[in-house]
Protein backbone atom coordinates (compact mmCIF):
# COMPACT_ATOMS: atom_id res chain seq x y z
CA MET A 1 92.12 95.80 86.89
CA CYS A 2 91.81 99.04 88.99
CA ARG A 3 92.77 97.34 92.28
CA LEU A 4 95.62 95.42 90.55
CA PHE A 5 96.82 98.59 89.24
CA ILE A 6 96.75 100.38 92.75
CA ILE A 7 98.32 97.67 94.21
CA THR A 8 101.26 97.76 91.71
CA THR A 9 101.88 101.18 92.25
CA VAL A 10 101.98 100.59 96.29
CA ALA A 11 104.64 97.86 95.59
CA ILE A 12 106.71 100.25 93.25
CA ASN A 13 106.67 102.64 96.02
CA HIS A 14 108.07 100.44 98.47
CA VAL A 15 110.91 99.51 96.44
CA PRO A 16 114.00 101.63 97.61
CA PRO A 17 114.41 104.41 97.57
CA ARG A 18 111.25 105.65 98.71
CA LEU A 19 109.77 108.64 96.58
CA GLU A 20 108.01 110.36 99.33
CA TYR A 21 111.49 111.53 100.73
CA ILE A 22 112.02 113.12 97.41
CA PHE A 23 108.60 114.28 96.42
CA HIS A 24 107.17 114.68 99.92
CA ASP A 25 104.05 112.36 100.27
CA TRP A 26 103.22 111.55 96.68
CA ASN A 27 102.18 108.29 97.60
CA HIS A 28 99.25 109.66 99.63
CA TYR A 29 97.57 111.36 96.89
CA LEU A 30 98.50 108.75 94.10
CA VAL A 31 98.06 105.47 96.01
CA ILE A 32 96.60 105.81 99.10
CA THR A 33 93.44 107.90 98.51
CA PRO A 34 92.66 105.91 95.30
CA SER A 35 92.50 102.82 97.37
CA PHE A 36 90.12 104.13 99.74
CA PHE A 37 88.43 105.75 96.97
CA LEU A 38 88.02 102.38 95.04
CA SER A 39 86.94 100.60 98.30
CA GLY A 40 84.25 103.02 98.61
CA TYR A 41 83.13 102.59 95.09
CA CYS A 42 82.90 98.53 95.97
CA PHE A 43 81.12 99.41 99.06
CA ASN A 44 77.86 97.19 99.28
CA SER A 45 75.58 96.71 102.30
CA ALA A 46 72.92 94.66 100.38
CA ALA A 47 73.85 91.22 101.85
CA SER A 48 73.95 92.70 105.29
CA LYS A 49 70.67 93.98 106.73
CA TYR A 50 72.03 94.60 110.29
CA LEU A 51 75.24 95.97 111.55
CA TRP A 52 76.34 92.70 113.31
CA ASP A 53 75.98 90.90 110.12
CA TYR A 54 78.03 93.48 108.17
CA PHE A 55 80.58 93.49 110.98
CA CYS A 56 81.02 89.77 110.95
CA ARG A 57 81.26 89.38 107.24
CA LYS A 58 84.15 92.09 107.17
CA THR A 59 85.67 90.26 110.02
CA ARG A 60 85.74 86.98 107.80
CA THR A 61 87.03 88.79 104.80
CA LEU A 62 89.17 91.68 106.37
CA LEU A 63 90.65 90.53 109.80
CA ARG A 64 90.85 86.86 109.25
CA PRO A 65 93.53 87.20 106.41
CA THR A 66 95.17 89.74 108.47
CA ILE A 67 95.48 87.68 111.46
CA CYS A 68 96.58 84.57 109.26
CA PHE A 69 99.28 86.58 107.49
CA PHE A 70 100.35 88.19 110.86
CA PHE A 71 101.06 84.77 112.63
CA PHE A 72 102.60 83.34 109.50
CA PHE A 73 105.26 85.95 109.19
CA TYR A 74 105.61 86.47 112.84
CA ALA A 75 106.67 82.36 113.06
CA LEU A 76 109.21 83.12 110.46
CA TRP A 77 110.47 86.19 111.92
CA LEU A 78 110.91 84.22 115.32
CA ILE A 79 112.77 81.44 113.57
CA GLY A 80 115.21 83.75 111.69
CA GLY A 81 113.89 86.91 110.30
CA LYS A 82 114.54 88.57 113.52
CA ALA A 83 118.22 87.90 113.28
CA LEU A 84 118.74 88.50 109.58
CA ALA A 85 117.01 91.88 109.91
CA HIS A 86 119.27 92.76 113.10
CA ASP A 87 115.88 93.62 115.21
CA ASP A 88 117.86 92.93 118.69
CA SER A 89 115.91 95.77 120.00
CA ILE A 90 112.61 94.50 119.49
CA ALA A 91 111.45 92.07 121.95
CA TRP A 92 109.60 88.85 120.85
CA TYR A 93 106.30 89.92 122.30
CA THR A 94 106.20 93.58 120.87
CA PRO A 95 104.50 92.09 117.54
CA LEU A 96 101.87 90.43 119.42
CA ILE A 97 101.17 93.69 121.38
CA GLU A 98 100.98 95.62 117.99
CA LEU A 99 98.47 93.07 116.82
CA VAL A 100 96.26 93.68 119.92
CA THR A 101 96.48 97.38 119.70
CA GLY A 102 96.13 97.04 115.56
CA GLN A 103 99.08 98.82 114.88
CA LEU A 104 101.16 96.62 112.76
CA ASP A 105 104.60 98.33 112.57
CA THR A 106 107.05 95.12 113.03
CA ILE A 107 104.90 92.24 111.04
CA THR A 108 103.00 92.71 108.05
CA ALA A 109 103.24 96.65 108.05
CA PRO A 110 101.32 97.32 104.99
CA MET A 111 98.29 95.76 106.47
CA TRP A 112 97.42 98.80 108.38
CA TYR A 113 95.43 99.91 105.54
CA VAL A 114 93.20 96.65 105.87
CA ILE A 115 92.74 97.62 109.58
CA ALA A 116 91.75 101.05 108.75
CA LEU A 117 89.25 99.93 106.40
CA PHE A 118 87.95 97.24 108.92
CA VAL A 119 87.32 100.15 111.09
CA MET A 120 86.06 102.41 108.46
CA GLN A 121 83.13 100.34 106.71
CA PRO A 122 81.10 99.42 109.76
CA LEU A 123 81.33 103.21 110.61
CA TYR A 124 80.08 104.21 107.22
CA PHE A 125 77.61 101.43 107.44
CA ILE A 126 76.03 103.19 110.47
CA LEU A 127 76.28 106.71 109.09
CA LYS A 128 74.73 105.70 105.80
CA LYS A 129 71.76 104.11 107.63
CA TYR A 130 71.10 107.38 109.57
CA ILE A 131 72.02 110.14 107.34
CA ARG A 132 70.26 111.26 104.31
CA PRO A 133 72.03 110.35 101.04
CA ASP A 134 72.53 114.01 99.96
CA LEU A 135 74.20 114.97 103.48
CA LEU A 136 76.53 111.81 103.78
CA PHE A 137 79.45 112.80 101.91
CA PRO A 138 79.45 116.33 103.29
CA PHE A 139 79.05 115.01 106.88
CA CYS A 140 82.17 112.65 106.19
CA LEU A 141 84.08 115.28 104.73
CA VAL A 142 83.60 117.29 107.81
CA LEU A 143 84.37 114.69 110.20
CA GLY A 144 87.29 113.70 108.31
CA CYS A 145 88.81 117.25 108.63
CA VAL A 146 87.81 117.67 112.23
CA SER A 147 89.59 114.60 112.89
CA SER A 148 92.95 115.99 111.42
CA VAL A 149 93.00 118.55 114.24
CA LEU A 150 91.90 116.46 116.96
CA PRO A 151 93.97 113.96 119.08
CA ILE A 152 92.28 111.01 117.85
CA PRO A 153 93.79 107.69 119.07
CA HIS A 154 95.95 105.41 117.11
CA PHE A 155 94.25 102.40 118.44
CA TRP A 156 93.27 100.13 115.55
CA GLU A 157 94.17 103.00 112.93
CA PHE A 158 91.02 104.75 114.07
CA HIS A 159 92.75 108.02 113.27
CA GLN A 160 93.49 106.67 109.83
CA ALA A 161 89.87 105.68 109.27
CA LEU A 162 88.32 108.84 110.00
CA LEU A 163 91.20 110.85 108.15
CA TYR A 164 90.12 108.69 104.80
CA LEU A 165 86.66 108.50 105.32
CA PRO A 166 85.67 111.35 103.22
CA VAL A 167 87.45 109.67 100.31
CA TYR A 168 85.76 106.31 100.94
CA ALA A 169 82.49 108.32 100.95
CA LEU A 170 83.34 110.05 97.85
CA GLY A 171 84.05 106.60 95.96
CA ALA A 172 80.60 105.33 97.35
CA ALA A 173 78.88 108.54 96.11
CA TYR A 174 80.42 108.14 92.92
CA ARG A 175 78.90 104.63 92.08
CA ARG A 176 75.46 105.92 93.36
CA ASN A 177 75.52 109.22 90.92
CA ASN A 178 77.69 107.88 88.36
CA GLU A 179 75.29 109.45 85.58
CA TYR A 180 76.10 112.61 87.16
CA PHE A 181 80.05 112.16 87.34
CA GLN A 182 80.05 111.06 83.79
CA ARG A 183 78.86 114.41 82.51
CA ILE A 184 82.15 116.23 83.81
CA PRO A 185 84.11 116.67 80.15
CA TYR A 186 87.25 114.00 79.97
CA LEU A 187 89.62 117.12 78.95
CA ALA A 188 88.68 118.73 82.15
CA VAL A 189 89.10 115.89 84.49
CA ILE A 190 92.63 115.28 82.58
CA LEU A 191 93.72 118.64 83.13
CA LEU A 192 92.71 118.77 86.73
CA CYS A 193 94.85 115.66 87.37
CA ILE A 194 97.70 117.06 85.77
CA VAL A 195 97.35 120.10 87.74
CA GLY A 196 96.79 117.96 90.82
CA ILE A 197 99.98 115.86 90.44
CA VAL A 198 102.24 118.83 90.06
CA LEU A 199 100.82 121.00 92.79
CA PHE A 200 100.79 117.81 95.54
CA THR A 201 104.57 117.12 94.29
CA VAL A 202 105.29 120.48 95.55
CA LEU A 203 103.42 120.58 98.62
CA GLU A 204 103.67 118.54 101.62
CA TYR A 205 100.93 116.65 103.56
CA ASP A 206 100.64 116.07 106.99
CA SER A 207 97.72 115.81 109.64
CA THR A 208 97.46 119.57 110.51
CA PRO A 209 94.86 122.05 109.87
CA TYR A 210 96.79 122.47 106.64
CA LEU A 211 94.62 119.65 105.44
CA LEU A 212 91.44 121.92 106.26
CA ALA A 213 92.36 124.21 103.51
CA LEU A 214 93.50 121.44 101.07
CA SER A 215 90.58 119.15 101.69
CA PRO A 216 88.22 120.13 98.87
CA PHE A 217 90.93 119.96 96.35
CA ILE A 218 92.11 116.60 97.47
CA MET A 219 88.66 115.52 96.96
CA VAL A 220 88.57 116.67 93.41
CA PHE A 221 92.21 115.45 92.75
CA THR A 222 91.17 111.91 94.15
CA TYR A 223 88.31 111.86 91.75
CA THR A 224 90.10 112.78 88.89
CA TRP A 225 93.10 110.54 89.50
CA VAL A 226 90.70 107.61 89.75
CA ARG A 227 88.82 108.60 86.97
CA VAL A 228 92.13 108.12 84.88
CA ILE A 229 92.79 105.03 86.43
CA ILE A 230 89.35 103.68 85.57
CA TRP A 231 89.51 104.80 82.00
CA GLY A 232 92.89 102.98 81.59
CA ALA A 233 91.35 99.94 83.18
CA GLU A 234 88.33 100.17 80.61
CA TRP A 235 90.49 100.65 77.68
CA ILE A 236 92.41 97.59 78.67
CA ASP A 237 89.47 95.43 79.06
CA GLU A 238 88.06 96.35 75.85
CA HIS A 239 91.32 96.19 73.58
CA CYS A 240 92.81 93.10 75.51
CA THR A 241 91.60 89.60 75.94
CA HIS A 242 90.49 88.99 79.51
CA HIS A 243 92.63 86.61 81.51
CA LYS A 244 91.61 84.65 84.46
CA TRP A 245 94.96 85.62 86.33
CA ILE A 246 93.84 89.27 86.15
CA SER A 247 90.85 88.69 88.07
CA ASP A 248 92.41 86.45 90.22
CA MET A 249 94.88 88.84 91.42
CA GLY A 250 92.99 91.75 91.23
CA GLY A 251 90.11 90.03 93.42
CA ASN A 252 92.68 89.18 96.11
CA THR A 253 94.75 92.09 96.63
CA ILE A 254 95.10 91.27 100.22
CA ILE A 255 97.36 88.70 99.59
CA LEU A 256 99.56 90.90 97.57
CA LEU A 257 99.50 93.70 100.21
CA ALA A 258 100.52 91.39 102.80
CA VAL A 259 103.40 89.60 101.11
CA HIS A 260 105.02 92.06 98.39
CA CYS A 261 107.24 93.73 101.06
CA TYR A 262 108.95 90.30 101.93
CA VAL A 263 109.56 89.92 98.19
CA ILE A 264 111.25 93.15 98.00
CA GLY A 265 113.21 92.59 101.24
CA ILE A 266 114.51 89.00 99.61
CA ILE A 267 115.47 91.03 96.28
CA LYS A 268 117.24 93.75 98.42
CA VAL A 269 119.15 91.38 100.57
CA MET A 270 120.22 89.38 97.46
CA LEU A 271 121.37 92.21 95.59
CA ASP A 272 123.43 93.71 98.34
CA HIS A 273 124.97 90.17 98.77
CA VAL A 274 125.94 89.83 94.89
CA PHE A 275 127.16 93.50 94.57
CA HIS A 276 128.86 93.44 97.99
CA THR A 277 127.38 96.70 99.18
CA GLU A 278 124.53 97.72 101.50
CA GLY A 279 121.95 100.02 99.91
CA PHE A 280 122.31 99.12 96.30
CA LEU A 281 118.85 99.78 95.51
CA GLU A 282 118.79 103.20 97.20
CA GLU A 283 121.53 104.06 94.54
CA HIS A 284 120.09 102.45 91.83
CA VAL A 285 116.62 103.84 91.01
CA ILE A 286 116.24 102.23 87.44
CA TYR A 287 115.54 99.00 89.35
CA LYS A 288 112.49 100.52 91.15
CA ILE A 289 109.83 99.98 88.66
CA PRO A 290 110.78 96.21 87.43
CA ILE A 291 111.46 94.87 91.03
CA GLY A 292 108.00 96.49 91.99
CA LEU A 293 106.04 94.54 89.21
CA PHE A 294 108.08 91.38 90.15
CA SER A 295 106.82 91.63 93.50
CA ILE A 296 103.39 91.61 92.69
CA PHE A 297 103.24 89.40 89.57
CA SER A 298 105.62 86.72 91.10
CA LEU A 299 102.87 86.18 93.65
CA TYR A 300 100.41 84.62 91.17
CA PRO A 301 101.06 81.09 92.21
CA LEU A 302 100.72 82.03 95.81
CA VAL A 303 97.22 83.38 94.96
CA VAL A 304 96.41 80.11 93.11
CA PHE A 305 97.39 77.91 95.85
CA ILE A 306 95.37 79.79 98.46
CA LEU A 307 92.33 80.28 96.50
CA ARG A 308 92.31 76.36 95.71
CA TYR A 309 93.52 74.77 98.91
CA ILE A 310 92.92 77.54 101.87
CA PRO A 311 90.13 79.77 100.76
CA TRP A 312 88.88 80.06 104.36
CA MET A 313 92.04 82.29 104.86
CA LEU A 314 90.50 84.70 102.91
CA GLY A 315 86.87 84.22 104.14
CA LYS A 316 85.77 82.50 101.08
CA LYS A 317 84.44 79.22 100.21
CA LYS A 318 86.07 76.55 98.21
CA LYS A 319 84.89 76.00 94.84
């Protein structure tokens, strides 16, 4: 449920107009950091004793779907998408170079998150193996802060992997010390979350030394915001009948991440054509939420199809 909520907020953010142009990088604090936090919360190395085993597992579950979706949409882009999007300035081989360098700007751009996660998780696996548990999160926090002021290469989103490593480590720490975190009063968490939303709506984030001063509060805010999300998901699970479609979609958000922007793009083109204007959505923010919801939940048939007929694409076995 938490993952499904996060990917839905991602989709709503991707519907024009992009709200970070109005409220700076609000999506960084409300969408991206919780995503890495939840990924850290789900970190599990029990099935892999050695780094190579863990790396192979992540290659199967993260890299394989990314490559499959890339080539599918790359083929569509070559057939007609390039002309439809008026991408004449982009050479046919540019997306292939982006794939090799791990910087998917032209095709399946939202998959940068998966690539960063693919780099981050083996790195965290190594750190967890050689650093004491009580020092692991502080070390990751320092590493993330230092990476924000150094010229880290963008190859395979390595700079993003280091920048968000503290958030990922915080999620893993939350899972290991759940009872300790649960002692924090609910009211204090909610108040911190509200203060964080207001503050980060005003402040502008960038990868500069500015992050060094903000990093402790970013960690607190990320934790409090995710706690609110978790409470909401637990309330829904408790008061609503559990449906298989929720678990199917929540457990396979990589499909939703890869495809939802194309659904939004199709809707945008259709609306511009119907109303004979360019930028219809930019002028009608009221459609932002419903189109974002539609771009996610309309993909349920695709999720079912992939799980039933081509689960190997996600690194899964056919049931």
